[in-house]
C-alpha atoms as a PDB file:
ATOM      1  CA  MET A   1     -43.485  37.800 -28.175  1.00  0.00           C
ATOM      2  CA  LYS A   2     -46.191  36.879 -25.682  1.00  0.00           C
ATOM      3  CA  ILE A   3     -44.952  34.535 -22.995  1.00  0.00           C
ATOM      4  CA  ASP A   4     -46.087  33.252 -19.607  1.00  0.00           C
ATOM      5  CA  ILE A   5     -43.153  32.308 -17.372  1.00  0.00           C
ATOM      6  CA  ILE A   6     -43.929  29.848 -14.577  1.00  0.00           C
ATOM      7  CA  GLY A   7     -41.923  29.523 -11.368  1.00  0.00           C
ATOM      8  CA  ASP A   8     -40.506  26.427  -9.665  1.00  0.00           C
ATOM      9  CA  ILE A   9     -43.111  23.630  -9.970  1.00  0.00           C
ATOM     10  CA  HIS A  10     -41.406  20.859  -7.950  1.00  0.00           C
ATOM     11  CA  GLY A  11     -43.898  18.187  -8.982  1.00  0.00           C
ATOM     12  CA  CYS A  12     -47.022  20.241  -8.224  1.00  0.00           C
ATOM     13  CA  PHE A  13     -48.874  19.166 -11.376  1.00  0.00           C
ATOM     14  CA  ASP A  14     -52.372  20.062 -10.168  1.00  0.00           C
ATOM     15  CA  GLU A  15     -51.306  23.641  -9.415  1.00  0.00           C
ATOM     16  CA  LEU A  16     -49.617  23.857 -12.822  1.00  0.00           C
ATOM     17  CA  GLU A  17     -52.784  22.775 -14.597  1.00  0.00           C
ATOM     18  CA  LEU A  18     -54.879  25.218 -12.580  1.00  0.00           C
ATOM     19  CA  LEU A  19     -52.472  28.109 -13.229  1.00  0.00           C
ATOM     20  CA  THR A  20     -52.348  27.531 -16.986  1.00  0.00           C
ATOM     21  CA  LYS A  21     -56.146  27.508 -17.122  1.00  0.00           C
ATOM     22  CA  LYS A  22     -56.208  30.770 -15.168  1.00  0.00           C
ATOM     23  CA  LEU A  23     -53.770  32.175 -17.754  1.00  0.00           C
ATOM     24  CA  GLY A  24     -56.230  31.294 -20.527  1.00  0.00           C
ATOM     25  CA  TYR A  25     -54.769  28.011 -21.759  1.00  0.00           C
ATOM     26  CA  GLU A  26     -57.127  25.262 -22.841  1.00  0.00           C
ATOM     27  CA  TRP A  27     -56.027  21.676 -22.285  1.00  0.00           C
ATOM     28  CA  ILE A  28     -56.340  19.710 -25.514  1.00  0.00           C
ATOM     29  CA  ASP A  29     -55.082  16.103 -25.645  1.00  0.00           C
ATOM     30  CA  GLU A  30     -53.636  16.622 -22.151  1.00  0.00           C
ATOM     31  CA  LEU A  31     -51.528  19.611 -23.245  1.00  0.00           C
ATOM     32  CA  PRO A  32     -52.088  23.337 -22.554  1.00  0.00           C
ATOM     33  CA  LYS A  33     -52.613  25.520 -25.623  1.00  0.00           C
ATOM     34  CA  HIS A  34     -53.493  29.225 -25.874  1.00  0.00           C
ATOM     35  CA  ASN A  35     -55.794  30.382 -28.665  1.00  0.00           C
ATOM     36  CA  GLU A  36     -53.903  33.688 -28.919  1.00  0.00           C
ATOM     37  CA  GLY A  37     -50.582  31.977 -29.542  1.00  0.00           C
ATOM     38  CA  ARG A  38     -49.063  32.698 -26.138  1.00  0.00           C
ATOM     39  CA  GLN A  39     -46.215  30.416 -25.089  1.00  0.00           C
ATOM     40  CA  LEU A  40     -45.217  28.977 -21.748  1.00  0.00           C
ATOM     41  CA  ALA A  41     -41.744  29.127 -20.227  1.00  0.00           C
ATOM     42  CA  PHE A  42     -40.405  27.375 -17.145  1.00  0.00           C
ATOM     43  CA  VAL A  43     -37.639  28.571 -14.814  1.00  0.00           C
ATOM     44  CA  GLY A  44     -36.525  25.065 -13.830  1.00  0.00           C
ATOM     45  CA  ASP A  45     -36.878  22.800 -10.798  1.00  0.00           C
ATOM     46  CA  LEU A  46     -39.690  20.840 -12.385  1.00  0.00           C
ATOM     47  CA  THR A  47     -39.233  17.932  -9.992  1.00  0.00           C
ATOM     48  CA  ASP A  48     -38.555  16.860  -6.387  1.00  0.00           C
ATOM     49  CA  ARG A  49     -40.587  17.119  -3.185  1.00  0.00           C
ATOM     50  CA  GLY A  50     -44.022  17.351  -4.848  1.00  0.00           C
ATOM     51  CA  PRO A  51     -46.353  14.460  -5.703  1.00  0.00           C
ATOM     52  CA  TYR A  52     -46.135  14.317  -9.518  1.00  0.00           C
ATOM     53  CA  SER A  53     -42.549  15.095 -10.544  1.00  0.00           C
ATOM     54  CA  LEU A  54     -42.364  12.687 -13.463  1.00  0.00           C
ATOM     55  CA  LYS A  55     -45.767  13.788 -14.785  1.00  0.00           C
ATOM     56  CA  VAL A  56     -44.540  17.397 -14.790  1.00  0.00           C
ATOM     57  CA  ALA A  57     -41.266  16.438 -16.473  1.00  0.00           C
ATOM     58  CA  GLU A  58     -43.065  14.487 -19.205  1.00  0.00           C
ATOM     59  CA  LEU A  59     -45.422  17.398 -19.866  1.00  0.00           C
ATOM     60  CA  ILE A  60     -42.561  19.857 -20.271  1.00  0.00           C
ATOM     61  CA  TYR A  61     -40.737  17.363 -22.526  1.00  0.00           C
ATOM     62  CA  LYS A  62     -43.768  17.188 -24.819  1.00  0.00           C
ATOM     63  CA  LEU A  63     -44.212  20.969 -24.909  1.00  0.00           C
ATOM     64  CA  VAL A  64     -40.534  21.858 -25.384  1.00  0.00           C
ATOM     65  CA  ILE A  65     -39.020  18.970 -27.340  1.00  0.00           C
ATOM     66  CA  GLU A  66     -41.883  17.307 -29.212  1.00  0.00           C
ATOM     67  CA  ARG A  67     -44.125  20.316 -29.919  1.00  0.00           C
ATOM     68  CA  LYS A  68     -41.546  23.111 -29.686  1.00  0.00           C
ATOM     69  CA  GLU A  69     -44.277  25.262 -28.161  1.00  0.00           C
ATOM     70  CA  ALA A  70     -42.595  26.245 -24.880  1.00  0.00           C
ATOM     71  CA  PHE A  71     -39.295  27.313 -23.317  1.00  0.00           C
ATOM     72  CA  TYR A  72     -37.409  25.762 -20.409  1.00  0.00           C
ATOM     73  CA  VAL A  73     -34.205  26.377 -18.500  1.00  0.00           C
ATOM     74  CA  PRO A  74     -33.029  23.793 -15.969  1.00  0.00           C
ATOM     75  CA  GLY A  75     -32.652  24.378 -12.255  1.00  0.00           C
ATOM     76  CA  ASN A  76     -30.330  22.771  -9.732  1.00  0.00           C
ATOM     77  CA  HIS A  77     -32.871  20.016  -8.975  1.00  0.00           C
ATOM     78  CA  CYS A  78     -33.117  19.314 -12.708  1.00  0.00           C
ATOM     79  CA  ASN A  79     -29.332  19.080 -12.859  1.00  0.00           C
ATOM     80  CA  LYS A  80     -29.245  16.599  -9.993  1.00  0.00           C
ATOM     81  CA  LEU A  81     -31.938  14.405 -11.550  1.00  0.00           C
ATOM     82  CA  TYR A  82     -30.069  14.566 -14.864  1.00  0.00           C
ATOM     83  CA  ARG A  83     -26.897  13.347 -13.168  1.00  0.00           C
ATOM     84  CA  PHE A  84     -28.854  10.592 -11.413  1.00  0.00           C
ATOM     85  CA  PHE A  85     -30.283   9.423 -14.741  1.00  0.00           C
ATOM     86  CA  LEU A  86     -26.778   9.403 -16.241  1.00  0.00           C
ATOM     87  CA  GLY A  87     -25.740   7.015 -13.483  1.00  0.00           C
ATOM     88  CA  ASN A  88     -23.501   9.486 -11.677  1.00  0.00           C
ATOM     89  CA  LYS A  89     -23.118   9.309  -7.919  1.00  0.00           C
ATOM     90  CA  VAL A  90     -25.501  11.846  -6.372  1.00  0.00           C
ATOM     91  CA  GLN A  91     -26.927  12.267  -2.893  1.00  0.00           C
ATOM     92  CA  ILE A  92     -30.534  11.035  -2.877  1.00  0.00           C
ATOM     93  CA  ALA A  93     -31.744  13.793  -0.553  1.00  0.00           C
ATOM     94  CA  HIS A  94     -33.186  17.343  -0.473  1.00  0.00           C
ATOM     95  CA  GLY A  95     -36.210  16.225  -2.476  1.00  0.00           C
ATOM     96  CA  LEU A  96     -34.577  13.966  -5.054  1.00  0.00           C
ATOM     97  CA  GLU A  97     -35.646  10.951  -2.997  1.00  0.00           C
ATOM     98  CA  THR A  98     -39.310  11.632  -3.880  1.00  0.00           C
ATOM     99  CA  THR A  99     -38.606  11.672  -7.619  1.00  0.00           C
ATOM    100  CA  VAL A 100     -36.411   8.580  -7.392  1.00  0.00           C
ATOM    101  CA  ALA A 101     -39.197   6.777  -5.498  1.00  0.00           C
ATOM    102  CA  GLU A 102     -41.660   7.695  -8.282  1.00  0.00           C
ATOM    103  CA  TYR A 103     -39.181   6.488 -10.888  1.00  0.00           C
ATOM    104  CA  GLU A 104     -38.464   3.194  -9.150  1.00  0.00           C
ATOM    105  CA  ALA A 105     -42.200   2.542  -8.741  1.00  0.00           C
ATOM    106  CA  LEU A 106     -42.648   2.591 -12.521  1.00  0.00           C
ATOM    107  CA  PRO A 107     -42.751  -0.650 -14.493  1.00  0.00           C
ATOM    108  CA  LYS A 108     -39.281  -1.343 -15.887  1.00  0.00           C
ATOM    109  CA  ASN A 109     -40.465  -0.923 -19.471  1.00  0.00           C
ATOM    110  CA  LYS A 110     -41.532   2.680 -18.714  1.00  0.00           C
ATOM    111  CA  ARG A 111     -38.416   3.747 -16.858  1.00  0.00           C
ATOM    112  CA  SER A 112     -36.156   4.021 -19.893  1.00  0.00           C
ATOM    113  CA  LYS A 113     -38.641   6.263 -21.705  1.00  0.00           C
ATOM    114  CA  VAL A 114     -38.913   8.656 -18.741  1.00  0.00           C
ATOM    115  CA  ARG A 115     -35.152   8.627 -18.239  1.00  0.00           C
ATOM    116  CA  ASN A 116     -34.330   9.198 -21.923  1.00  0.00           C
ATOM    117  CA  HIS A 117     -36.915  11.967 -22.290  1.00  0.00           C
ATOM    118  CA  PHE A 118     -35.550  13.894 -19.320  1.00  0.00           C
ATOM    119  CA  ILE A 119     -31.943  13.517 -20.451  1.00  0.00           C
ATOM    120  CA  GLU A 120     -32.918  14.832 -23.898  1.00  0.00           C
ATOM    121  CA  LEU A 121     -34.867  17.740 -22.397  1.00  0.00           C
ATOM    122  CA  TYR A 122     -31.936  18.712 -20.191  1.00  0.00           C
ATOM    123  CA  GLU A 123     -29.258  18.389 -22.864  1.00  0.00           C
ATOM    124  CA  LYS A 124     -31.210  20.319 -25.500  1.00  0.00           C
ATOM    125  CA  SER A 125     -32.151  23.230 -23.212  1.00  0.00           C
ATOM    126  CA  PRO A 126     -30.012  26.343 -22.644  1.00  0.00           C
ATOM    127  CA  LEU A 127     -28.847  27.128 -19.128  1.00  0.00           C
ATOM    128  CA  HIS A 128     -30.421  30.558 -19.524  1.00  0.00           C
ATOM    129  CA  LEU A 129     -32.629  32.148 -22.172  1.00  0.00           C
ATOM    130  CA  VAL A 130     -32.108  35.545 -23.781  1.00  0.00           C
ATOM    131  CA  LEU A 131     -35.304  36.665 -25.516  1.00  0.00           C
ATOM    132  CA  ASP A 132     -36.901  39.648 -27.255  1.00  0.00           C
ATOM    133  CA  ASN A 133     -33.661  41.316 -28.383  1.00  0.00           C
ATOM    134  CA  ARG A 134     -32.079  40.965 -24.921  1.00  0.00           C
ATOM    135  CA  LYS A 135     -34.989  42.688 -23.202  1.00  0.00           C
ATOM    136  CA  LEU A 136     -35.941  39.510 -21.317  1.00  0.00           C
ATOM    137  CA  VAL A 137     -33.744  36.895 -19.655  1.00  0.00           C
ATOM    138  CA  ILE A 138     -34.881  33.713 -17.909  1.00  0.00           C
ATOM    139  CA  ALA A 139     -32.406  32.006 -15.562  1.00  0.00           C
ATOM    140  CA  HIS A 140     -33.254  29.609 -12.758  1.00  0.00           C
ATOM    141  CA  ALA A 141     -31.284  31.255  -9.945  1.00  0.00           C
ATOM    142  CA  GLY A 142     -30.681  34.582 -11.694  1.00  0.00           C
ATOM    143  CA  ILE A 143     -27.717  35.933 -13.608  1.00  0.00           C
ATOM    144  CA  PRO A 144     -25.444  39.008 -13.364  1.00  0.00           C
ATOM    145  CA  GLU A 145     -25.351  41.369 -16.315  1.00  0.00           C
ATOM    146  CA  ASP A 146     -21.871  40.411 -17.518  1.00  0.00           C
ATOM    147  CA  TYR A 147     -22.834  36.708 -17.709  1.00  0.00           C
ATOM    148  CA  ILE A 148     -25.846  37.208 -20.003  1.00  0.00           C
ATOM    149  CA  GLY A 149     -25.442  35.362 -23.293  1.00  0.00           C
ATOM    150  CA  ARG A 150     -22.246  33.628 -22.178  1.00  0.00           C
ATOM    151  CA  THR A 151     -21.473  29.989 -21.363  1.00  0.00           C
ATOM    152  CA  GLY A 152     -18.937  28.300 -19.118  1.00  0.00           C
ATOM    153  CA  LYS A 153     -18.622  26.626 -15.734  1.00  0.00           C
ATOM    154  CA  LYS A 154     -18.883  29.875 -13.753  1.00  0.00           C
ATOM    155  CA  ILE A 155     -22.074  30.871 -15.564  1.00  0.00           C
ATOM    156  CA  GLU A 156     -23.508  27.357 -15.177  1.00  0.00           C
ATOM    157  CA  LYS A 157     -22.855  27.334 -11.428  1.00  0.00           C
ATOM    158  CA  PHE A 158     -24.439  30.769 -10.986  1.00  0.00           C
ATOM    159  CA  VAL A 159     -27.615  30.152 -12.990  1.00  0.00           C
ATOM    160  CA  LEU A 160     -28.190  26.814 -11.248  1.00  0.00           C
ATOM    161  CA  TYR A 161     -27.283  27.718  -7.664  1.00  0.00           C
ATOM    162  CA  GLY A 162     -27.161  31.499  -7.422  1.00  0.00           C
ATOM    163  CA  ASP A 163     -24.391  33.561  -5.834  1.00  0.00           C
ATOM    164  CA  ILE A 164     -23.387  30.973  -3.234  1.00  0.00           C
ATOM    165  CA  THR A 165     -20.962  31.802  -0.407  1.00  0.00           C
ATOM    166  CA  GLY A 166     -19.580  28.329   0.192  1.00  0.00           C
ATOM    167  CA  LYS A 167     -21.353  28.114   3.558  1.00  0.00           C
ATOM    168  CA  THR A 168     -24.523  26.145   4.275  1.00  0.00           C
ATOM    169  CA  ASN A 169     -27.813  26.976   5.960  1.00  0.00           C
ATOM    170  CA  PRO A 170     -29.052  24.900   8.923  1.00  0.00           C
ATOM    171  CA  ASP A 171     -31.112  22.703   6.560  1.00  0.00           C
ATOM    172  CA  GLY A 172     -28.028  21.874   4.496  1.00  0.00           C
ATOM    173  CA  THR A 173     -28.815  24.112   1.520  1.00  0.00           C
ATOM    174  CA  PRO A 174     -26.137  26.513   0.241  1.00  0.00           C
ATOM    175  CA  GLU A 175     -26.059  30.042   1.657  1.00  0.00           C
ATOM    176  CA  ARG A 176     -26.629  32.627  -1.092  1.00  0.00           C
ATOM    177  CA  ARG A 177     -25.825  36.285  -1.542  1.00  0.00           C
ATOM    178  CA  ASP A 178     -28.554  38.628  -2.769  1.00  0.00           C
ATOM    179  CA  TRP A 179     -27.247  39.140  -6.305  1.00  0.00           C
ATOM    180  CA  ALA A 180     -30.407  41.013  -7.384  1.00  0.00           C
ATOM    181  CA  LYS A 181     -29.598  44.009  -5.156  1.00  0.00           C
ATOM    182  CA  HIS A 182     -26.476  44.639  -7.227  1.00  0.00           C
ATOM    183  CA  TYR A 183     -27.998  44.076 -10.655  1.00  0.00           C
ATOM    184  CA  ASN A 184     -28.151  47.267 -12.721  1.00  0.00           C
ATOM    185  CA  GLY A 185     -28.665  45.935 -16.247  1.00  0.00           C
ATOM    186  CA  ASP A 186     -31.436  46.886 -18.671  1.00  0.00           C
ATOM    187  CA  ALA A 187     -32.692  43.352 -19.363  1.00  0.00           C
ATOM    188  CA  LEU A 188     -35.575  42.149 -17.225  1.00  0.00           C
ATOM    189  CA  ILE A 189     -34.498  38.979 -15.441  1.00  0.00           C
ATOM    190  CA  ILE A 190     -37.110  36.450 -14.355  1.00  0.00           C
ATOM    191  CA  TYR A 191     -35.868  33.764 -12.008  1.00  0.00           C
ATOM    192  CA  GLY A 192     -36.811  31.478  -9.108  1.00  0.00           C
ATOM    193  CA  HIS A 193     -34.761  29.102  -6.928  1.00  0.00           C
ATOM    194  CA  THR A 194     -35.242  30.858  -3.567  1.00  0.00           C
ATOM    195  CA  PRO A 195     -38.807  30.585  -2.183  1.00  0.00           C
ATOM    196  CA  VAL A 196     -40.422  33.927  -1.363  1.00  0.00           C
ATOM    197  CA  LYS A 197     -43.914  34.503   0.019  1.00  0.00           C
ATOM    198  CA  GLU A 198     -44.705  37.099  -2.665  1.00  0.00           C
ATOM    199  CA  PRO A 199     -43.044  37.723  -6.056  1.00  0.00           C
ATOM    200  CA  ARG A 200     -39.958  39.790  -5.251  1.00  0.00           C
ATOM    201  CA  LYS A 201     -39.114  42.752  -7.484  1.00  0.00           C
ATOM    202  CA  VAL A 202     -35.618  44.207  -7.067  1.00  0.00           C
ATOM    203  CA  ASN A 203     -34.133  46.485  -9.741  1.00  0.00           C
ATOM    204  CA  GLN A 204     -34.872  44.810 -13.105  1.00  0.00           C
ATOM    205  CA  THR A 205     -35.293  41.344 -11.561  1.00  0.00           C
ATOM    206  CA  ILE A 206     -38.332  39.383 -10.383  1.00  0.00           C
ATOM    207  CA  ASN A 207     -38.205  36.198  -8.317  1.00  0.00           C
ATOM    208  CA  ILE A 208     -41.339  34.160  -9.086  1.00  0.00           C
ATOM    209  CA  ASP A 209     -40.589  31.102  -6.935  1.00  0.00           C
ATOM    210  CA  THR A 210     -43.421  31.539  -4.440  1.00  0.00           C
ATOM    211  CA  GLY A 211     -42.910  28.120  -2.878  1.00  0.00           C
ATOM    212  CA  ALA A 212     -45.701  26.034  -4.385  1.00  0.00           C
ATOM    213  CA  VAL A 213     -44.262  22.828  -2.952  1.00  0.00           C
ATOM    214  CA  PHE A 214     -44.007  24.423   0.503  1.00  0.00           C
ATOM    215  CA  GLY A 215     -47.626  25.511   0.640  1.00  0.00           C
ATOM    216  CA  GLY A 216     -47.183  28.958  -0.917  1.00  0.00           C
ATOM    217  CA  ALA A 217     -48.358  29.567  -4.470  1.00  0.00           C
ATOM    218  CA  LEU A 218     -47.427  28.750  -8.042  1.00  0.00           C
ATOM    219  CA  THR A 219     -46.762  31.985  -9.872  1.00  0.00           C
ATOM    220  CA  ALA A 220     -46.553  33.097 -13.508  1.00  0.00           C
ATOM    221  CA  PHE A 221     -45.133  36.302 -14.960  1.00  0.00           C
ATOM    222  CA  ARG A 222     -46.840  37.517 -18.134  1.00  0.00           C
ATOM    223  CA  TYR A 223     -44.677  39.258 -20.718  1.00  0.00           C
ATOM    224  CA  PRO A 224     -44.888  41.870 -22.222  1.00  0.00           C
ATOM    225  CA  GLU A 225     -47.853  42.799 -20.031  1.00  0.00           C
ATOM    226  CA  LEU A 226     -45.609  42.662 -16.920  1.00  0.00           C
ATOM    227  CA  GLU A 227     -48.446  41.078 -14.960  1.00  0.00           C
ATOM    228  CA  ILE A 228     -48.245  38.473 -12.217  1.00  0.00           C
ATOM    229  CA  MET A 229     -50.774  35.688 -11.748  1.00  0.00           C
ATOM    230  CA  SER A 230     -50.774  32.976  -9.055  1.00  0.00           C
ATOM    231  CA  VAL A 231     -52.755  30.036  -7.728  1.00  0.00           C
ATOM    232  CA  GLN A 232     -52.667  28.867  -4.129  1.00  0.00           C
ATOM    233  CA  SER A 233     -50.847  25.623  -3.384  1.00  0.00           C
ATOM    234  CA  THR A 234     -52.613  22.564  -1.984  1.00  0.00           C
ATOM    235  CA  MET A 235     -49.454  21.491  -0.145  1.00  0.00           C
ATOM    236  CA  PRO A 236     -48.921  21.987   3.621  1.00  0.00           C
ATOM    237  CA  PHE A 237     -47.365  25.350   4.486  1.00  0.00           C
ATOM    238  CA  VAL A 238     -43.748  25.130   5.700  1.00  0.00           C
ATOM    239  CA  GLU A 239     -42.801  28.514   7.165  1.00  0.00           C
ATOM    240  CA  GLU A 240     -39.078  27.838   7.588  1.00  0.00           C
ATOM    241  CA  LYS A 241     -38.598  27.257   3.861  1.00  0.00           C
ATOM    242  CA  PHE A 242     -39.339  30.918   3.151  1.00  0.00           C
ATOM    243  CA  ARG A 243     -36.027  32.273   4.422  1.00  0.00           C
ATOM    244  CA  PRO A 244     -35.047  35.937   4.178  1.00  0.00           C
ATOM    245  CA  ILE A 245     -32.594  36.409   1.308  1.00  0.00           C
END
């Protein structure tokens, strides 16, 4: 298995295109394809805050659902957009307002297609991926060893939001414990969710959310080579979004 796992995109389509090209993918008919058969994987949070959330979501739908050439696990922002598209009551804040504005700007005849595609992508994707005979795990906010391969509300909450304390940070986001410091499993866990200035390696875990939407970088982890590759973001740098874990 040769796979390139990409961190939280948050609507940064231009950076995604640039990163895939740097990874050796050629764009054919507006889709990235690798001539050595490598596959892409995405750790979630495709949308919100960035300029092209729906364009990113449609691309991942085509790769994962239509072509079956990529992997995807949803993040908490994906979950919120999914609930919005279902018609559930959600708070249009913390980035969702940008995606909703994009959606509402579409002609009405295009909205249902975008909505239905994202619902299908979300519902057909696992909350975490266990690959290569349990050597590799992809989960948006991480996952403790005893949750790997399991399902249920507790596992869903953890992989979407991390090890939350119940308290909130000054910006309204949930306070999280550093679960990676206590992970001692054999599987390599690739995750995102919490923006870090550089890919963060702790035990057998690597956080590859390098804050593309906050002016950091968009990062990929190459497996089995265990290499990291990034491209600089074009977005304004927002220092306070890179909080210590």
